[in-house]
Amino acid sequence: MKAPRVTLDQWRTLQAVVDQGGFAQAAEVLHRSQSSVSYTVARMQDQLGVPLLRIDGRRAVLTDAGSVLLRRSRQLVSQASQLEDLAHHMEQGWEAEVRLVVDAAYPNAKLVRALSAFMPQSRGCRVRLREEVLSGVEEVLKEGVTDLAISALNITGYLASELNPVEFVAVAHPEHSLHRLQRPINFQDLETQMQVVTRDSGRLQPRDSGWLGAEQRWTVGSLPTAATFVSSGLGFAWLPRHLIARELREGLLKALPLDQGGTRNPVFYLYSNKDKPLGPATQILVELIKGFDGAPLDAPFAAPAGAAPATAAGAAHEGPV
């Protein structure tokens, strides 16, 4: 790759001349001599082979080519400054990246709000988000390849911050044979029907406790896929209410009138990597996740109180729900 002929300092000098309206004014702002500023701009024009400025009276005015190049140079200089800031923050312990693994049943809307509030405070810190199901979250956390984890499992050996429960509802299509019974549904009724479950993404000890032992079972890879199956009349399932709110409103799904266990409300927990101290960016993200977790999903977006100032279908969730 060919090395650039013009330096960032030269672009900054040109910007100052234009923004301040002349060489003398730019020299004063840059704390340099006027002759040095004039030489820098003249040298730039020689190196680029195009005129950048013309003198109009006592003012330095951009040529058409200069206007285009200056506009692009502002992006370049800004990105270079951001890169230098990032290096400075990293030197002070600020993370370059925060890794977050989340159970697919946790409401995406809460994550979106927390990450949206984190962005202006991130100082260039990236977030790497990964979705898993049930024990998949636990495995990623124990492998040490994530900084934070959100799961409904009680993961031994880790301390956690308790988040709010997520409501799962037993549902089927309104024309499903279970609804046609027109009476409270019991365990024996469910045993004779097809249940759709979401596969545990863990490899070592996948959980299967969400399955009732029905003679027919379809296993799918995600909660949205399970919701699509059940909405089409293929079986029944326990699904997160936030995921199927539209289907319930539009009558594509209907809650099953179970005599018991029609809803399940597993509590979710926020875990951190116990072998790695939380950096400042991770700590900010933790507080934002906890703050937005308590806000209603339909509430207008606003930073939670105490937050730092700005700078997945009919599927049973296979597990202890």
Protein backbone atom coordinates (compact mmCIF):
# COMPACT_ATOMS: atom_id res chain seq x y z
CA MET A 1 0.00 0.00 0.00
CA LYS A 2 1.38 3.38 -1.00
CA ALA A 3 2.21 5.62 1.93
CA PRO A 4 0.26 8.93 2.05
CA ARG A 5 2.18 12.00 0.96
CA VAL A 6 0.17 14.43 3.10
CA THR A 7 0.26 14.18 6.88
CA LEU A 8 -2.57 14.63 9.37
CA ASP A 9 -0.84 17.76 10.64
CA GLN A 10 -1.03 19.28 7.16
CA TRP A 11 -4.75 18.54 6.92
CA ARG A 12 -5.28 20.08 10.36
CA THR A 13 -3.40 23.18 9.21
CA LEU A 14 -5.56 23.54 6.09
CA GLN A 15 -8.71 23.18 8.20
CA ALA A 16 -7.51 25.91 10.54
CA VAL A 17 -6.81 28.30 7.65
CA VAL A 18 -10.31 27.79 6.26
CA ASP A 19 -12.10 27.80 9.60
CA GLN A 20 -10.29 30.88 10.88
CA GLY A 21 -10.49 32.76 7.60
CA GLY A 22 -6.80 33.28 6.88
CA PHE A 23 -3.17 32.35 7.47
CA ALA A 24 -2.53 34.84 10.25
CA GLN A 25 -5.62 33.80 12.19
CA ALA A 26 -4.76 30.11 11.75
CA ALA A 27 -1.19 30.75 12.92
CA GLU A 28 -2.51 32.36 16.08
CA VAL A 29 -4.82 29.41 16.87
CA LEU A 30 -2.13 26.83 16.04
CA HIS A 31 0.54 28.74 17.97
CA ARG A 32 2.81 28.78 14.93
CA SER A 33 4.30 31.45 12.73
CA GLN A 34 2.33 32.66 9.74
CA SER A 35 5.18 31.71 7.43
CA SER A 36 5.10 28.13 8.77
CA VAL A 37 1.36 27.86 8.10
CA SER A 38 1.77 29.32 4.60
CA TYR A 39 4.62 26.94 3.80
CA THR A 40 2.62 23.91 5.07
CA VAL A 41 -0.36 24.68 2.82
CA ALA A 42 1.86 25.46 -0.19
CA ARG A 43 3.71 22.18 0.34
CA MET A 44 0.37 20.32 0.48
CA GLN A 45 -0.70 21.75 -2.87
CA ASP A 46 2.62 20.71 -4.44
CA GLN A 47 2.30 17.18 -3.02
CA LEU A 48 -1.32 16.75 -4.14
CA GLY A 49 -0.86 18.45 -7.49
CA VAL A 50 -4.07 20.48 -7.20
CA PRO A 51 -4.73 24.00 -5.90
CA LEU A 52 -6.60 23.97 -2.60
CA LEU A 53 -6.91 27.69 -1.83
CA ARG A 54 -7.18 30.95 -3.68
CA ILE A 55 -6.85 34.41 -2.20
CA ASP A 56 -9.96 36.54 -2.40
CA GLY A 57 -9.12 39.96 -1.02
CA ARG A 58 -7.65 39.23 2.39
CA ARG A 59 -9.38 35.86 2.80
CA ALA A 60 -8.20 32.40 1.83
CA VAL A 61 -11.06 30.71 -0.07
CA LEU A 62 -11.30 27.03 -1.00
CA THR A 63 -11.21 25.97 -4.61
CA ASP A 64 -13.77 23.37 -5.77
CA ALA A 65 -11.15 20.63 -5.43
CA GLY A 66 -10.10 21.99 -2.05
CA SER A 67 -13.69 21.93 -0.83
CA VAL A 68 -14.09 18.23 -1.68
CA LEU A 69 -10.74 17.26 -0.18
CA LEU A 70 -11.28 19.32 2.96
CA ARG A 71 -14.65 17.67 3.60
CA ARG A 72 -13.08 14.20 3.38
CA SER A 73 -10.10 15.30 5.46
CA ARG A 74 -12.36 16.32 8.35
CA GLN A 75 -13.54 12.69 8.61
CA LEU A 76 -9.95 11.49 8.48
CA VAL A 77 -8.72 13.85 11.19
CA SER A 78 -11.73 13.06 13.39
CA GLN A 79 -11.12 9.32 13.08
CA ALA A 80 -7.46 9.78 13.90
CA SER A 81 -8.38 11.75 17.02
CA GLN A 82 -10.83 9.03 18.07
CA LEU A 83 -8.09 6.43 17.59
CA GLU A 84 -5.72 8.41 19.79
CA ASP A 85 -8.44 8.82 22.42
CA LEU A 86 -9.09 5.08 22.38
CA ALA A 87 -5.41 4.35 22.90
CA HIS A 88 -5.38 6.78 25.83
CA HIS A 89 -8.48 5.18 27.40
CA MET A 90 -6.98 1.70 26.97
CA GLU A 91 -3.83 2.87 28.72
CA GLN A 92 -6.04 3.90 31.63
CA GLY A 93 -7.70 0.45 31.75
CA TRP A 94 -10.66 1.20 29.47
CA GLU A 95 -11.65 -1.95 27.56
CA ALA A 96 -11.50 -2.18 23.78
CA GLU A 97 -14.37 -4.70 23.82
CA VAL A 98 -17.05 -6.08 26.13
CA ARG A 99 -18.29 -9.61 25.42
CA LEU A 100 -21.91 -10.33 26.37
CA VAL A 101 -23.72 -13.68 26.07
CA VAL A 102 -27.50 -13.68 26.56
CA ASP A 103 -30.15 -16.37 26.78
CA ALA A 104 -32.38 -16.01 23.71
CA ALA A 105 -35.48 -15.82 25.93
CA TYR A 106 -34.37 -12.53 27.48
CA PRO A 107 -36.25 -9.55 25.97
CA ASN A 108 -34.27 -7.98 23.11
CA ALA A 109 -36.00 -4.65 23.71
CA LYS A 110 -34.31 -4.31 27.10
CA LEU A 111 -30.91 -5.06 25.59
CA VAL A 112 -31.44 -2.57 22.78
CA ARG A 113 -32.22 0.17 25.30
CA ALA A 114 -29.22 -0.64 27.47
CA LEU A 115 -26.84 -0.81 24.50
CA SER A 116 -28.27 2.39 23.01
CA ALA A 117 -27.57 4.20 26.27
CA PHE A 118 -24.10 2.62 26.44
CA MET A 119 -23.04 3.76 22.98
CA PRO A 120 -22.44 7.47 23.74
CA GLN A 121 -20.50 6.49 26.87
CA SER A 122 -18.47 3.70 25.27
CA ARG A 123 -15.42 5.76 24.20
CA GLY A 124 -14.99 3.41 21.26
CA CYS A 125 -15.46 0.22 23.29
CA ARG A 126 -17.20 -2.39 21.13
CA VAL A 127 -19.85 -4.86 22.34
CA ARG A 128 -19.76 -8.43 21.07
CA LEU A 129 -23.23 -9.92 21.65
CA ARG A 130 -23.85 -13.67 21.48
CA GLU A 131 -27.17 -15.52 21.90
CA GLU A 132 -27.38 -19.00 23.39
CA VAL A 133 -30.17 -21.15 24.86
CA LEU A 134 -30.13 -22.42 28.44
CA SER A 135 -26.90 -24.28 29.26
CA GLY A 136 -25.22 -22.72 26.23
CA VAL A 137 -24.92 -19.52 28.26
CA GLU A 138 -23.45 -21.39 31.21
CA GLU A 139 -20.84 -23.11 29.04
CA VAL A 140 -19.68 -19.86 27.46
CA LEU A 141 -19.39 -18.22 30.88
CA LYS A 142 -17.41 -21.14 32.36
CA GLU A 143 -15.10 -21.25 29.34
CA GLY A 144 -14.11 -17.69 30.22
CA VAL A 145 -14.81 -16.31 26.76
CA THR A 146 -17.38 -13.75 27.87
CA ASP A 147 -17.33 -10.84 30.28
CA LEU A 148 -21.05 -10.80 31.10
CA ALA A 149 -23.82 -13.38 30.86
CA ILE A 150 -27.61 -13.23 31.25
CA SER A 151 -29.28 -16.53 32.10
CA ALA A 152 -32.26 -17.99 33.95
CA LEU A 153 -30.04 -20.79 35.30
CA ASN A 154 -28.54 -20.85 38.76
CA ILE A 155 -24.90 -21.22 37.74
CA THR A 156 -22.87 -22.67 40.58
CA GLY A 157 -19.67 -20.95 41.58
CA TYR A 158 -20.75 -17.52 40.35
CA LEU A 159 -22.32 -14.57 42.11
CA ALA A 160 -25.10 -12.83 40.19
CA SER A 161 -27.31 -9.78 40.16
CA GLU A 162 -30.98 -10.74 40.09
CA LEU A 163 -32.94 -9.39 37.15
CA ASN A 164 -36.69 -9.51 36.59
CA PRO A 165 -38.56 -12.71 35.69
CA VAL A 166 -39.65 -13.38 32.11
CA GLU A 167 -43.19 -14.73 31.70
CA PHE A 168 -43.66 -17.86 29.57
CA VAL A 169 -47.22 -18.67 28.47
CA ALA A 170 -48.63 -22.04 27.37
CA VAL A 171 -50.17 -21.34 23.96
CA ALA A 172 -51.58 -22.98 20.85
CA HIS A 173 -53.43 -21.84 17.74
CA PRO A 174 -57.06 -20.94 18.58
CA GLU A 175 -58.30 -23.84 16.38
CA HIS A 176 -55.99 -26.39 17.99
CA SER A 177 -57.73 -29.51 19.37
CA LEU A 178 -56.74 -28.53 22.91
CA HIS A 179 -58.82 -25.36 22.69
CA ARG A 180 -61.75 -27.31 21.24
CA LEU A 181 -62.01 -29.27 24.50
CA GLN A 182 -63.60 -26.14 25.95
CA ARG A 183 -62.62 -27.01 29.53
CA PRO A 184 -59.62 -26.71 31.79
CA ILE A 185 -56.71 -28.69 30.32
CA ASN A 186 -54.74 -31.15 32.43
CA PHE A 187 -51.40 -32.91 32.15
CA GLN A 188 -52.96 -36.00 30.52
CA ASP A 189 -54.46 -33.83 27.75
CA LEU A 190 -51.03 -32.39 26.95
CA GLU A 191 -49.37 -35.82 26.87
CA THR A 192 -51.39 -36.82 23.80
CA GLN A 193 -50.47 -33.71 21.80
CA MET A 194 -47.38 -32.53 19.93
CA GLN A 195 -45.10 -30.25 21.93
CA VAL A 196 -42.61 -27.95 20.26
CA VAL A 197 -39.43 -27.26 22.20
CA THR A 198 -36.39 -25.07 21.59
CA ARG A 199 -33.09 -26.90 21.51
CA ASP A 200 -30.62 -26.23 24.29
CA SER A 201 -27.50 -24.84 22.61
CA GLY A 202 -25.18 -26.33 25.22
CA ARG A 203 -22.93 -29.21 24.16
CA LEU A 204 -21.89 -30.77 27.45
CA GLN A 205 -25.08 -31.19 29.47
CA PRO A 206 -28.07 -29.93 27.46
CA ARG A 207 -31.25 -29.52 29.48
CA ASP A 208 -34.56 -31.18 28.56
CA SER A 209 -36.74 -30.42 31.55
CA GLY A 210 -39.09 -28.16 29.58
CA TRP A 211 -40.46 -31.21 27.76
CA LEU A 212 -43.50 -32.81 29.40
CA GLY A 213 -42.90 -36.26 27.94
CA ALA A 214 -45.49 -35.88 25.20
CA GLU A 215 -45.51 -38.74 22.68
CA GLN A 216 -44.82 -36.30 19.85
CA ARG A 217 -42.13 -33.67 20.09
CA TRP A 218 -40.60 -31.37 17.53
CA THR A 219 -37.34 -29.65 18.42
CA VAL A 220 -36.43 -26.40 16.69
CA GLY A 221 -33.40 -24.17 16.81
CA SER A 222 -34.87 -20.87 17.98
CA LEU A 223 -37.77 -19.35 19.86
CA PRO A 224 -39.03 -17.33 16.84
CA THR A 225 -39.12 -20.55 14.77
CA ALA A 226 -41.09 -22.28 17.50
CA ALA A 227 -43.54 -19.37 17.64
CA THR A 228 -44.05 -19.64 13.89
CA PHE A 229 -44.74 -23.38 14.13
CA VAL A 230 -47.28 -23.01 16.92
CA SER A 231 -48.96 -20.03 15.26
CA SER A 232 -49.48 -22.29 12.23
CA GLY A 233 -51.30 -24.90 14.32
CA LEU A 234 -48.36 -27.27 14.78
CA GLY A 235 -48.46 -28.22 18.44
CA PHE A 236 -48.37 -26.27 21.68
CA ALA A 237 -45.59 -24.63 23.67
CA TRP A 238 -44.56 -22.33 26.47
CA LEU A 239 -43.30 -19.12 24.87
CA PRO A 240 -42.07 -15.79 26.29
CA ARG A 241 -45.01 -13.38 26.35
CA HIS A 242 -42.90 -10.52 25.00
CA LEU A 243 -41.99 -12.62 21.96
CA ILE A 244 -45.59 -13.49 21.01
CA ALA A 245 -47.39 -10.28 22.00
CA ARG A 246 -48.39 -9.52 18.40
CA GLU A 247 -49.61 -13.09 17.74
CA LEU A 248 -51.73 -12.96 20.89
CA ARG A 249 -53.24 -9.60 19.90
CA GLU A 250 -54.00 -10.75 16.36
CA GLY A 251 -55.50 -14.07 17.45
CA LEU A 252 -52.84 -16.29 15.91
CA LEU A 253 -52.10 -17.71 19.35
CA LYS A 254 -54.30 -18.22 22.38
CA ALA A 255 -53.31 -19.05 25.93
CA LEU A 256 -54.19 -22.59 26.93
CA PRO A 257 -56.60 -22.85 29.91
CA LEU A 258 -54.38 -25.19 31.94
CA ASP A 259 -55.67 -26.25 35.33
CA GLN A 260 -52.17 -25.47 36.62
CA GLY A 261 -48.86 -24.24 35.21
CA GLY A 262 -50.30 -22.12 32.42
CA THR A 263 -47.58 -19.55 33.00
CA ARG A 264 -44.00 -19.85 34.16
CA ASN A 265 -41.92 -16.98 35.44
CA PRO A 266 -38.22 -17.84 35.60
CA VAL A 267 -36.02 -15.20 37.18
CA PHE A 268 -33.05 -14.12 35.10
CA TYR A 269 -29.60 -13.32 36.46
CA LEU A 270 -26.67 -11.19 35.32
CA TYR A 271 -23.31 -12.91 35.78
CA SER A 272 -19.77 -11.68 35.25
CA ASN A 273 -16.49 -13.45 34.50
CA LYS A 274 -15.12 -14.27 37.96
CA ASP A 275 -11.55 -14.59 36.68
CA LYS A 276 -11.40 -11.12 35.15
CA PRO A 277 -11.98 -7.85 37.02
CA LEU A 278 -14.68 -5.67 35.55
CA GLY A 279 -13.26 -2.75 33.61
CA PRO A 280 -14.89 0.70 33.67
CA ALA A 281 -16.82 0.19 30.42
CA THR A 282 -18.13 -3.18 31.57
CA GLN A 283 -19.24 -1.66 34.87
CA ILE A 284 -21.18 1.03 33.02
CA LEU A 285 -22.87 -1.61 30.85
CA VAL A 286 -23.76 -3.68 33.94
CA GLU A 287 -25.53 -0.73 35.54
CA LEU A 288 -27.38 0.07 32.32
CA ILE A 289 -28.56 -3.53 31.89
CA LYS A 290 -29.80 -3.62 35.48
CA GLY A 291 -31.49 -0.24 35.15
CA PHE A 292 -33.31 -0.95 31.90
CA ASP A 293 -34.27 -4.45 33.04
CA GLY A 294 -36.67 -2.87 35.50
CA ALA A 295 -38.39 -0.65 32.94
CA PRO A 296 -41.65 -1.82 31.27
CA LEU A 297 -41.11 -2.97 27.68
CA ASP A 298 -43.68 -0.47 26.38
CA ALA A 299 -42.33 2.49 28.35
CA PRO A 300 -40.85 5.46 26.43
CA PHE A 301 -37.08 5.22 26.10
CA ALA A 302 -35.20 7.03 28.83
CA ALA A 303 -31.99 6.38 30.71
CA PRO A 304 -32.76 4.61 33.99
CA ALA A 305 -32.36 6.45 37.26
CA GLY A 306 -28.81 6.21 38.50
CA ALA A 307 -27.32 5.44 35.10
CA ALA A 308 -24.04 7.09 34.20
CA PRO A 309 -24.47 10.30 32.22
CA ALA A 310 -24.20 10.18 28.43
CA THR A 311 -20.67 11.01 26.82
CA ALA A 312 -36.20 -16.46 20.98
CA ALA A 313 -41.35 -21.25 19.80
CA GLY A 314 -44.91 -23.46 20.59
CA ALA A 315 -41.75 -23.97 22.33
CA ALA A 316 -41.01 -24.91 25.82
CA HIS A 317 -37.82 -23.29 26.88
CA GLU A 318 -35.96 -26.49 27.73
CA GLY A 319 -34.78 -25.90 31.25
CA PRO A 320 -35.83 -25.06 34.76
CA VAL A 321 -38.78 -22.85 34.01
